[in-house]
Amino acid sequence: MPGYSARPPAIPTILIDDAVVRVTRWDFEPGAATGHHIHGMGYVVVPMTDCHFLIEESVGERRVTSKAGEVYRRDAGVEHNVVNGGAEPTSFIEIEYK
């Protein structure tokens, strides 16, 4: 993934991690990134703010806007780097099911 390592890191805060779920709050300053990763579990994302994502994938980049409270789900196996592509700090809750 070109360029992702030079970005500041997004800040993950684990809220719960038990036998059923792992819930993480992700906070991003403008330009911050998760770093390239592969999701080993299916997950749900709940944006806490409006999020202007730059998604870096093996096939290229794309931009996605998710409004606060606009929930979405993805299956295990997703591989990407998530970047705050906007001008404001953003945050979301990620719920991974085990």
N, C-alpha and C. Protein backbone atom coordinates (compact mmCIF):
# COMPACT_ATOMS: atom_id res chain seq x y z
N MET A 1 0.84 -1.18 0.00
CA MET A 1 0.00 0.00 0.00
C MET A 1 0.89 1.24 0.00
N PRO A 2 0.97 1.95 -1.08
CA PRO A 2 1.86 3.09 -1.16
C PRO A 2 1.44 4.20 -0.20
N GLY A 3 2.41 4.74 0.53
CA GLY A 3 2.19 5.93 1.33
C GLY A 3 1.62 5.73 2.71
N TYR A 4 1.08 4.57 3.03
CA TYR A 4 0.40 4.46 4.30
C TYR A 4 1.33 4.54 5.50
N SER A 5 2.57 4.09 5.39
CA SER A 5 3.47 4.07 6.53
C SER A 5 3.91 5.47 6.95
N ALA A 6 3.82 6.45 6.07
CA ALA A 6 4.25 7.81 6.40
C ALA A 6 3.16 8.59 7.12
N ARG A 7 1.99 8.06 7.24
CA ARG A 7 0.88 8.76 7.87
C ARG A 7 0.90 8.57 9.38
N PRO A 8 0.38 9.56 10.13
CA PRO A 8 0.28 9.36 11.58
C PRO A 8 -0.73 8.26 11.88
N PRO A 9 -0.56 7.55 12.99
CA PRO A 9 -1.47 6.45 13.28
C PRO A 9 -2.81 6.91 13.85
N ALA A 10 -3.86 6.21 13.47
CA ALA A 10 -5.15 6.36 14.15
C ALA A 10 -4.99 5.74 15.54
N ILE A 11 -5.79 6.18 16.49
CA ILE A 11 -5.67 5.72 17.86
C ILE A 11 -6.80 4.74 18.18
N PRO A 12 -6.48 3.45 18.40
CA PRO A 12 -7.51 2.48 18.80
C PRO A 12 -7.61 2.41 20.32
N THR A 13 -8.84 2.36 20.82
CA THR A 13 -9.10 2.15 22.25
C THR A 13 -10.05 0.97 22.37
N ILE A 14 -9.58 -0.12 22.95
CA ILE A 14 -10.42 -1.31 23.11
C ILE A 14 -11.40 -1.05 24.26
N LEU A 15 -12.68 -1.14 23.96
CA LEU A 15 -13.72 -0.89 24.96
C LEU A 15 -14.18 -2.17 25.63
N ILE A 16 -14.17 -3.27 24.87
CA ILE A 16 -14.51 -4.58 25.41
C ILE A 16 -13.87 -5.63 24.50
N ASP A 17 -13.39 -6.69 25.11
CA ASP A 17 -12.83 -7.80 24.35
C ASP A 17 -13.10 -9.06 25.17
N ASP A 18 -14.14 -9.78 24.78
CA ASP A 18 -14.51 -10.98 25.53
C ASP A 18 -14.67 -12.16 24.56
N ALA A 19 -15.32 -13.20 24.99
CA ALA A 19 -15.46 -14.40 24.16
C ALA A 19 -16.39 -14.19 22.97
N VAL A 20 -17.18 -13.13 22.98
CA VAL A 20 -18.19 -12.93 21.94
C VAL A 20 -17.81 -11.83 20.95
N VAL A 21 -17.33 -10.68 21.47
CA VAL A 21 -17.03 -9.52 20.61
C VAL A 21 -15.77 -8.80 21.08
N ARG A 22 -15.21 -8.04 20.14
CA ARG A 22 -14.19 -7.03 20.49
C ARG A 22 -14.74 -5.72 19.94
N VAL A 23 -14.85 -4.72 20.83
CA VAL A 23 -15.35 -3.40 20.45
C VAL A 23 -14.21 -2.40 20.61
N THR A 24 -13.90 -1.70 19.52
CA THR A 24 -12.79 -0.75 19.51
C THR A 24 -13.29 0.60 19.04
N ARG A 25 -12.91 1.64 19.76
CA ARG A 25 -13.15 3.01 19.27
C ARG A 25 -11.89 3.45 18.54
N TRP A 26 -12.06 3.94 17.32
CA TRP A 26 -10.95 4.44 16.51
C TRP A 26 -11.08 5.96 16.39
N ASP A 27 -10.00 6.68 16.75
CA ASP A 27 -9.98 8.14 16.63
C ASP A 27 -8.88 8.53 15.64
N PHE A 28 -9.23 9.40 14.71
CA PHE A 28 -8.34 9.80 13.62
C PHE A 28 -8.22 11.32 13.57
N GLU A 29 -7.02 11.81 13.61
CA GLU A 29 -6.78 13.21 13.24
C GLU A 29 -6.78 13.24 11.70
N PRO A 30 -6.91 14.41 11.09
CA PRO A 30 -6.84 14.47 9.62
C PRO A 30 -5.55 13.81 9.12
N GLY A 31 -5.69 12.93 8.15
CA GLY A 31 -4.55 12.24 7.56
C GLY A 31 -4.10 10.99 8.30
N ALA A 32 -4.64 10.74 9.50
CA ALA A 32 -4.24 9.54 10.27
C ALA A 32 -4.79 8.28 9.62
N ALA A 33 -4.09 7.16 9.85
CA ALA A 33 -4.44 5.90 9.18
C ALA A 33 -4.33 4.73 10.15
N THR A 34 -5.09 3.69 9.85
CA THR A 34 -5.03 2.46 10.65
C THR A 34 -3.76 1.67 10.35
N GLY A 35 -3.20 1.85 9.16
CA GLY A 35 -2.15 0.97 8.68
C GLY A 35 -2.79 -0.21 7.97
N HIS A 36 -2.07 -0.78 7.03
CA HIS A 36 -2.60 -1.90 6.25
C HIS A 36 -2.91 -3.07 7.18
N HIS A 37 -4.09 -3.67 7.01
CA HIS A 37 -4.48 -4.81 7.85
C HIS A 37 -5.52 -5.66 7.12
N ILE A 38 -5.66 -6.89 7.60
CA ILE A 38 -6.68 -7.83 7.11
C ILE A 38 -7.59 -8.16 8.28
N HIS A 39 -8.89 -8.05 8.06
CA HIS A 39 -9.85 -8.36 9.11
C HIS A 39 -10.04 -9.88 9.22
N GLY A 40 -9.68 -10.42 10.35
CA GLY A 40 -9.83 -11.84 10.59
C GLY A 40 -11.23 -12.24 11.03
N MET A 41 -12.06 -11.23 11.36
CA MET A 41 -13.44 -11.48 11.81
C MET A 41 -14.37 -10.55 11.05
N GLY A 42 -15.63 -10.93 10.94
CA GLY A 42 -16.63 -10.03 10.42
C GLY A 42 -16.79 -8.87 11.40
N TYR A 43 -17.28 -7.72 10.90
CA TYR A 43 -17.37 -6.56 11.78
C TYR A 43 -18.45 -5.59 11.34
N VAL A 44 -18.84 -4.76 12.30
CA VAL A 44 -19.81 -3.68 12.10
C VAL A 44 -19.11 -2.39 12.48
N VAL A 45 -19.32 -1.33 11.70
CA VAL A 45 -18.76 -0.01 12.00
C VAL A 45 -19.90 0.95 12.27
N VAL A 46 -19.76 1.71 13.36
CA VAL A 46 -20.73 2.75 13.73
C VAL A 46 -19.98 4.08 13.77
N PRO A 47 -20.11 4.91 12.74
CA PRO A 47 -19.44 6.20 12.75
C PRO A 47 -20.00 7.09 13.87
N MET A 48 -19.10 7.66 14.67
CA MET A 48 -19.50 8.57 15.74
C MET A 48 -19.54 10.02 15.22
N THR A 49 -18.84 10.27 14.13
CA THR A 49 -18.81 11.57 13.46
C THR A 49 -19.02 11.30 11.98
N ASP A 50 -19.26 12.34 11.21
CA ASP A 50 -19.21 12.17 9.76
C ASP A 50 -17.77 11.80 9.42
N CYS A 51 -17.60 10.78 8.60
CA CYS A 51 -16.26 10.27 8.26
C CYS A 51 -16.04 10.36 6.76
N HIS A 52 -14.93 10.96 6.38
CA HIS A 52 -14.52 11.06 4.98
C HIS A 52 -13.30 10.17 4.83
N PHE A 53 -13.55 8.92 4.47
CA PHE A 53 -12.49 7.92 4.40
C PHE A 53 -11.79 7.91 3.05
N LEU A 54 -10.49 7.72 3.09
CA LEU A 54 -9.71 7.32 1.93
C LEU A 54 -9.36 5.87 2.20
N ILE A 55 -9.85 4.96 1.39
CA ILE A 55 -9.62 3.53 1.57
C ILE A 55 -8.56 3.10 0.56
N GLU A 56 -7.44 2.59 1.06
CA GLU A 56 -6.37 2.09 0.21
C GLU A 56 -6.45 0.58 0.18
N GLU A 57 -6.65 0.03 -1.03
CA GLU A 57 -6.79 -1.41 -1.22
C GLU A 57 -5.77 -1.86 -2.26
N SER A 58 -5.61 -3.16 -2.38
CA SER A 58 -4.63 -3.68 -3.34
C SER A 58 -4.96 -3.28 -4.77
N VAL A 59 -6.23 -3.01 -5.05
CA VAL A 59 -6.64 -2.64 -6.42
C VAL A 59 -6.65 -1.14 -6.65
N GLY A 60 -6.33 -0.36 -5.61
CA GLY A 60 -6.31 1.09 -5.75
C GLY A 60 -6.95 1.78 -4.56
N GLU A 61 -7.23 3.05 -4.75
CA GLU A 61 -7.82 3.87 -3.69
C GLU A 61 -9.25 4.24 -4.05
N ARG A 62 -10.04 4.47 -3.01
CA ARG A 62 -11.39 5.00 -3.21
C ARG A 62 -11.76 5.86 -2.02
N ARG A 63 -12.67 6.78 -2.23
CA ARG A 63 -13.14 7.66 -1.16
C ARG A 63 -14.57 7.29 -0.81
N VAL A 64 -14.84 7.27 0.50
CA VAL A 64 -16.16 6.89 1.01
C VAL A 64 -16.53 7.89 2.10
N THR A 65 -17.76 8.37 2.07
CA THR A 65 -18.27 9.22 3.15
C THR A 65 -19.35 8.45 3.89
N SER A 66 -19.20 8.40 5.22
CA SER A 66 -20.20 7.77 6.09
C SER A 66 -20.66 8.82 7.09
N LYS A 67 -21.96 9.01 7.18
CA LYS A 67 -22.53 9.98 8.11
C LYS A 67 -22.54 9.39 9.52
N ALA A 68 -22.47 10.25 10.52
CA ALA A 68 -22.55 9.82 11.92
C ALA A 68 -23.79 8.96 12.11
N GLY A 69 -23.62 7.79 12.73
CA GLY A 69 -24.73 6.88 12.99
C GLY A 69 -25.11 5.98 11.84
N GLU A 70 -24.50 6.13 10.68
CA GLU A 70 -24.80 5.33 9.49
C GLU A 70 -24.01 4.02 9.57
N VAL A 71 -24.64 2.98 10.07
CA VAL A 71 -23.98 1.71 10.38
C VAL A 71 -23.79 0.87 9.12
N TYR A 72 -22.63 0.19 9.04
CA TYR A 72 -22.43 -0.77 7.96
C TYR A 72 -21.67 -1.98 8.46
N ARG A 73 -21.77 -3.10 7.70
CA ARG A 73 -21.19 -4.38 8.08
C ARG A 73 -20.30 -4.89 6.97
N ARG A 74 -19.22 -5.58 7.36
CA ARG A 74 -18.33 -6.22 6.38
C ARG A 74 -18.00 -7.63 6.87
N ASP A 75 -17.71 -8.50 5.91
CA ASP A 75 -17.32 -9.88 6.24
C ASP A 75 -15.84 -9.95 6.56
N ALA A 76 -15.45 -11.04 7.21
CA ALA A 76 -14.02 -11.30 7.46
C ALA A 76 -13.29 -11.36 6.12
N GLY A 77 -12.01 -11.02 6.15
CA GLY A 77 -11.18 -11.09 4.96
C GLY A 77 -10.93 -9.77 4.28
N VAL A 78 -11.64 -8.71 4.68
CA VAL A 78 -11.40 -7.39 4.09
C VAL A 78 -9.96 -6.97 4.38
N GLU A 79 -9.28 -6.47 3.34
CA GLU A 79 -7.89 -6.06 3.45
C GLU A 79 -7.77 -4.63 2.96
N HIS A 80 -7.27 -3.73 3.84
CA HIS A 80 -7.20 -2.32 3.47
C HIS A 80 -6.39 -1.51 4.47
N ASN A 81 -6.22 -0.24 4.14
CA ASN A 81 -5.73 0.79 5.04
C ASN A 81 -6.80 1.87 5.03
N VAL A 82 -7.25 2.28 6.22
CA VAL A 82 -8.29 3.30 6.33
C VAL A 82 -7.64 4.60 6.78
N VAL A 83 -7.87 5.66 6.01
CA VAL A 83 -7.27 6.97 6.27
C VAL A 83 -8.39 7.99 6.46
N ASN A 84 -8.21 8.90 7.41
CA ASN A 84 -9.12 10.04 7.50
C ASN A 84 -8.75 10.98 6.36
N GLY A 85 -9.55 10.97 5.31
CA GLY A 85 -9.30 11.80 4.13
C GLY A 85 -9.93 13.17 4.22
N GLY A 86 -10.49 13.51 5.39
CA GLY A 86 -11.13 14.80 5.56
C GLY A 86 -10.26 15.79 6.32
N ALA A 87 -10.81 16.97 6.59
CA ALA A 87 -10.08 18.05 7.26
C ALA A 87 -10.36 18.12 8.75
N GLU A 88 -11.29 17.31 9.26
CA GLU A 88 -11.68 17.32 10.67
C GLU A 88 -11.36 15.98 11.32
N PRO A 89 -11.12 15.96 12.65
CA PRO A 89 -10.97 14.68 13.35
C PRO A 89 -12.24 13.84 13.20
N THR A 90 -12.06 12.52 13.14
CA THR A 90 -13.19 11.61 13.02
C THR A 90 -13.02 10.46 14.00
N SER A 91 -14.14 9.78 14.26
CA SER A 91 -14.06 8.58 15.09
C SER A 91 -15.20 7.63 14.72
N PHE A 92 -14.94 6.34 14.94
CA PHE A 92 -15.97 5.34 14.77
C PHE A 92 -15.76 4.21 15.75
N ILE A 93 -16.82 3.46 15.97
CA ILE A 93 -16.78 2.25 16.80
C ILE A 93 -16.78 1.06 15.85
N GLU A 94 -15.86 0.13 16.09
CA GLU A 94 -15.78 -1.11 15.31
C GLU A 94 -16.14 -2.26 16.23
N ILE A 95 -17.12 -3.06 15.83
CA ILE A 95 -17.57 -4.21 16.60
C ILE A 95 -17.25 -5.46 15.80
N GLU A 96 -16.28 -6.23 16.28
CA GLU A 96 -15.87 -7.48 15.62
C GLU A 96 -16.52 -8.63 16.36
N TYR A 97 -17.15 -9.56 15.62
CA TYR A 97 -17.78 -10.70 16.27
C TYR A 97 -16.93 -11.94 16.07
N LYS A 98 -16.78 -12.66 17.18
CA LYS A 98 -15.88 -13.80 17.21
C LYS A 98 -16.61 -15.10 16.92
